[in-house]
């Protein structure tokens, strides 16, 4: 149970660290989000959640490799994890590519 808590803390911090620069760009460069009512909280929650889930899913693979465990002992589980990791990464990159002009303050970016 302690390992799961530690993994969750690390995943949360990594997700926060990856999302913070874009939130700061949004706050400093986008004139529309200067008020709390116009700040896209749902977007940044999703941008935080995706790397957090990615990290939380990836950590057991790293730990298994470090301890000398066989990653191919359960190939179906490995394929499922790698597929989920690819989906999470693609989703995060797609959202960033779509929203980056908004973060940079481009008018009418939606």
C-alpha atoms as a PDB file:
ATOM      1  CA  UNK A   1       0.000   0.000   0.000  1.00  0.00           C
ATOM      2  CA  UNK A   2       2.885   2.358   0.748  1.00  0.00           C
ATOM      3  CA  UNK A   3       4.283   1.877  -2.771  1.00  0.00           C
ATOM      4  CA  UNK A   4       0.956   2.844  -4.334  1.00  0.00           C
ATOM      5  CA  UNK A   5       0.823   6.010  -2.215  1.00  0.00           C
ATOM      6  CA  UNK A   6       4.397   6.896  -3.177  1.00  0.00           C
ATOM      7  CA  UNK A   7       3.682   6.240  -6.855  1.00  0.00           C
ATOM      8  CA  UNK A   8       0.576   8.412  -6.678  1.00  0.00           C
ATOM      9  CA  UNK A   9       2.518  11.280  -5.092  1.00  0.00           C
ATOM     10  CA  UNK A  10       5.221  11.122  -7.743  1.00  0.00           C
ATOM     11  CA  UNK A  11       2.663  10.880 -10.521  1.00  0.00           C
ATOM     12  CA  UNK A  12       0.796  13.889  -9.130  1.00  0.00           C
ATOM     13  CA  UNK A  13       3.971  15.975  -8.895  1.00  0.00           C
ATOM     14  CA  UNK A  14       5.107  15.055 -12.402  1.00  0.00           C
ATOM     15  CA  UNK A  15       1.674  15.891 -13.821  1.00  0.00           C
ATOM     16  CA  UNK A  16       1.719  19.219 -11.989  1.00  0.00           C
ATOM     17  CA  UNK A  17       5.243  20.028 -13.214  1.00  0.00           C
ATOM     18  CA  UNK A  18       4.272  19.311 -16.825  1.00  0.00           C
ATOM     19  CA  UNK A  19       1.078  21.381 -16.646  1.00  0.00           C
ATOM     20  CA  UNK A  20       2.342  24.393 -14.684  1.00  0.00           C
ATOM     21  CA  UNK A  21       4.253  26.099 -17.551  1.00  0.00           C
ATOM     22  CA  UNK A  22       1.157  26.081 -19.759  1.00  0.00           C
ATOM     23  CA  UNK A  23      -1.022  27.453 -16.961  1.00  0.00           C
ATOM     24  CA  UNK A  24       1.486  30.253 -16.416  1.00  0.00           C
ATOM     25  CA  UNK A  25       1.491  31.015 -20.146  1.00  0.00           C
ATOM     26  CA  UNK A  26      -2.299  31.139 -20.095  1.00  0.00           C
ATOM     27  CA  UNK A  27      -2.353  33.478 -17.108  1.00  0.00           C
ATOM     28  CA  UNK A  28       0.306  35.849 -18.384  1.00  0.00           C
ATOM     29  CA  UNK A  29      -0.361  36.009 -22.132  1.00  0.00           C
ATOM     30  CA  UNK A  30      -4.066  35.386 -22.631  1.00  0.00           C
ATOM     31  CA  UNK A  31      -6.123  38.488 -21.919  1.00  0.00           C
ATOM     32  CA  UNK A  32      -9.432  36.589 -21.880  1.00  0.00           C
ATOM     33  CA  UNK A  33      -8.459  34.431 -18.916  1.00  0.00           C
ATOM     34  CA  UNK A  34      -7.421  37.271 -16.620  1.00  0.00           C
ATOM     35  CA  UNK A  35     -10.572  36.706 -14.578  1.00  0.00           C
ATOM     36  CA  UNK A  36     -11.296  33.542 -12.629  1.00  0.00           C
ATOM     37  CA  UNK A  37     -14.575  33.062 -14.521  1.00  0.00           C
ATOM     38  CA  UNK A  38     -12.766  32.776 -17.871  1.00  0.00           C
ATOM     39  CA  UNK A  39      -9.883  30.533 -16.793  1.00  0.00           C
ATOM     40  CA  UNK A  40     -10.159  27.055 -18.410  1.00  0.00           C
ATOM     41  CA  UNK A  41      -9.996  24.940 -15.248  1.00  0.00           C
ATOM     42  CA  UNK A  42     -11.346  21.817 -16.963  1.00  0.00           C
ATOM     43  CA  UNK A  43      -8.666  21.995 -19.658  1.00  0.00           C
ATOM     44  CA  UNK A  44      -5.862  22.234 -17.128  1.00  0.00           C
ATOM     45  CA  UNK A  45      -7.381  19.493 -15.000  1.00  0.00           C
ATOM     46  CA  UNK A  46      -7.276  17.240 -18.060  1.00  0.00           C
ATOM     47  CA  UNK A  47      -3.743  18.368 -18.925  1.00  0.00           C
ATOM     48  CA  UNK A  48      -2.726  17.431 -15.363  1.00  0.00           C
ATOM     49  CA  UNK A  49      -4.640  14.158 -15.275  1.00  0.00           C
ATOM     50  CA  UNK A  50      -3.188  12.698 -18.481  1.00  0.00           C
ATOM     51  CA  UNK A  51       0.520  12.853 -17.500  1.00  0.00           C
ATOM     52  CA  UNK A  52      -0.391  11.771 -13.969  1.00  0.00           C
ATOM     53  CA  UNK A  53      -2.088   8.634 -15.313  1.00  0.00           C
ATOM     54  CA  UNK A  54       0.799   8.087 -17.721  1.00  0.00           C
ATOM     55  CA  UNK A  55       3.324   8.224 -14.890  1.00  0.00           C
ATOM     56  CA  UNK A  56       1.196   6.062 -12.601  1.00  0.00           C
ATOM     57  CA  UNK A  57       0.930   3.437 -15.360  1.00  0.00           C
ATOM     58  CA  UNK A  58       4.601   3.645 -16.351  1.00  0.00           C
ATOM     59  CA  UNK A  59       6.162   3.366 -12.865  1.00  0.00           C
ATOM     60  CA  UNK A  60       5.498  -0.374 -12.386  1.00  0.00           C
ATOM     61  CA  UNK A  61       7.203  -1.071 -15.716  1.00  0.00           C
ATOM     62  CA  UNK A  62      10.262   0.884 -14.616  1.00  0.00           C
ATOM     63  CA  UNK A  63      10.308  -0.799 -11.210  1.00  0.00           C
ATOM     64  CA  UNK A  64      10.039  -4.241 -12.798  1.00  0.00           C
ATOM     65  CA  UNK A  65      12.949  -3.477 -15.098  1.00  0.00           C
ATOM     66  CA  UNK A  66      15.099  -2.170 -12.236  1.00  0.00           C
ATOM     67  CA  UNK A  67      14.520  -5.199 -10.033  1.00  0.00           C
ATOM     68  CA  UNK A  68      15.320  -7.626 -12.818  1.00  0.00           C
ATOM     69  CA  UNK A  69      11.741  -8.796 -13.251  1.00  0.00           C
ATOM     70  CA  UNK A  70      10.733 -10.227 -16.575  1.00  0.00           C
ATOM     71  CA  UNK A  71       8.626  -7.692 -18.445  1.00  0.00           C
ATOM     72  CA  UNK A  72       7.551 -10.392 -20.879  1.00  0.00           C
ATOM     73  CA  UNK A  73       6.223 -12.705 -18.144  1.00  0.00           C
ATOM     74  CA  UNK A  74       2.746 -11.401 -18.877  1.00  0.00           C
ATOM     75  CA  UNK A  75       2.705 -10.228 -22.515  1.00  0.00           C
ATOM     76  CA  UNK A  76      -0.997  -9.399 -22.547  1.00  0.00           C
ATOM     77  CA  UNK A  77      -0.600  -7.062 -19.569  1.00  0.00           C
ATOM     78  CA  UNK A  78       2.464  -5.481 -21.175  1.00  0.00           C
ATOM     79  CA  UNK A  79       0.620  -4.863 -24.453  1.00  0.00           C
ATOM     80  CA  UNK A  80      -2.289  -3.345 -22.526  1.00  0.00           C
ATOM     81  CA  UNK A  81      -0.028  -1.009 -20.561  1.00  0.00           C
ATOM     82  CA  UNK A  82       1.946   0.077 -23.611  1.00  0.00           C
ATOM     83  CA  UNK A  83      -1.276   0.701 -25.530  1.00  0.00           C
ATOM     84  CA  UNK A  84      -2.666   2.777 -22.668  1.00  0.00           C
ATOM     85  CA  UNK A  85       0.590   4.727 -22.419  1.00  0.00           C
ATOM     86  CA  UNK A  86       0.545   5.455 -26.144  1.00  0.00           C
ATOM     87  CA  UNK A  87      -3.086   6.588 -25.984  1.00  0.00           C
ATOM     88  CA  UNK A  88      -2.441   8.895 -23.018  1.00  0.00           C
ATOM     89  CA  UNK A  89       0.644  10.414 -24.649  1.00  0.00           C
ATOM     90  CA  UNK A  90      -1.115  10.972 -27.980  1.00  0.00           C
ATOM     91  CA  UNK A  91      -4.108  12.561 -26.279  1.00  0.00           C
ATOM     92  CA  UNK A  92      -1.900  14.935 -24.265  1.00  0.00           C
ATOM     93  CA  UNK A  93       0.109  15.986 -27.310  1.00  0.00           C
ATOM     94  CA  UNK A  94      -3.054  16.469 -29.387  1.00  0.00           C
ATOM     95  CA  UNK A  95      -4.624  18.702 -26.736  1.00  0.00           C
ATOM     96  CA  UNK A  96      -1.414  20.723 -26.402  1.00  0.00           C
ATOM     97  CA  UNK A  97      -1.107  21.185 -30.172  1.00  0.00           C
ATOM     98  CA  UNK A  98      -4.699  22.365 -30.322  1.00  0.00           C
ATOM     99  CA  UNK A  99      -4.520  24.731 -27.347  1.00  0.00           C
ATOM    100  CA  UNK A 100      -0.985  26.125 -27.617  1.00  0.00           C
ATOM    101  CA  UNK A 101      -2.067  29.201 -29.625  1.00  0.00           C
ATOM    102  CA  UNK A 102      -4.593  29.952 -26.868  1.00  0.00           C
ATOM    103  CA  UNK A 103      -1.874  29.654 -24.218  1.00  0.00           C
ATOM    104  CA  UNK A 104       0.246  32.090 -26.186  1.00  0.00           C
ATOM    105  CA  UNK A 105      -2.516  34.681 -26.310  1.00  0.00           C
ATOM    106  CA  UNK A 106      -3.545  34.426 -29.977  1.00  0.00           C
ATOM    107  CA  UNK A 107      -6.947  36.119 -30.341  1.00  0.00           C
ATOM    108  CA  UNK A 108      -9.867  33.950 -31.463  1.00  0.00           C
ATOM    109  CA  UNK A 109      -7.920  30.726 -31.062  1.00  0.00           C
ATOM    110  CA  UNK A 110     -10.982  28.599 -30.337  1.00  0.00           C
END
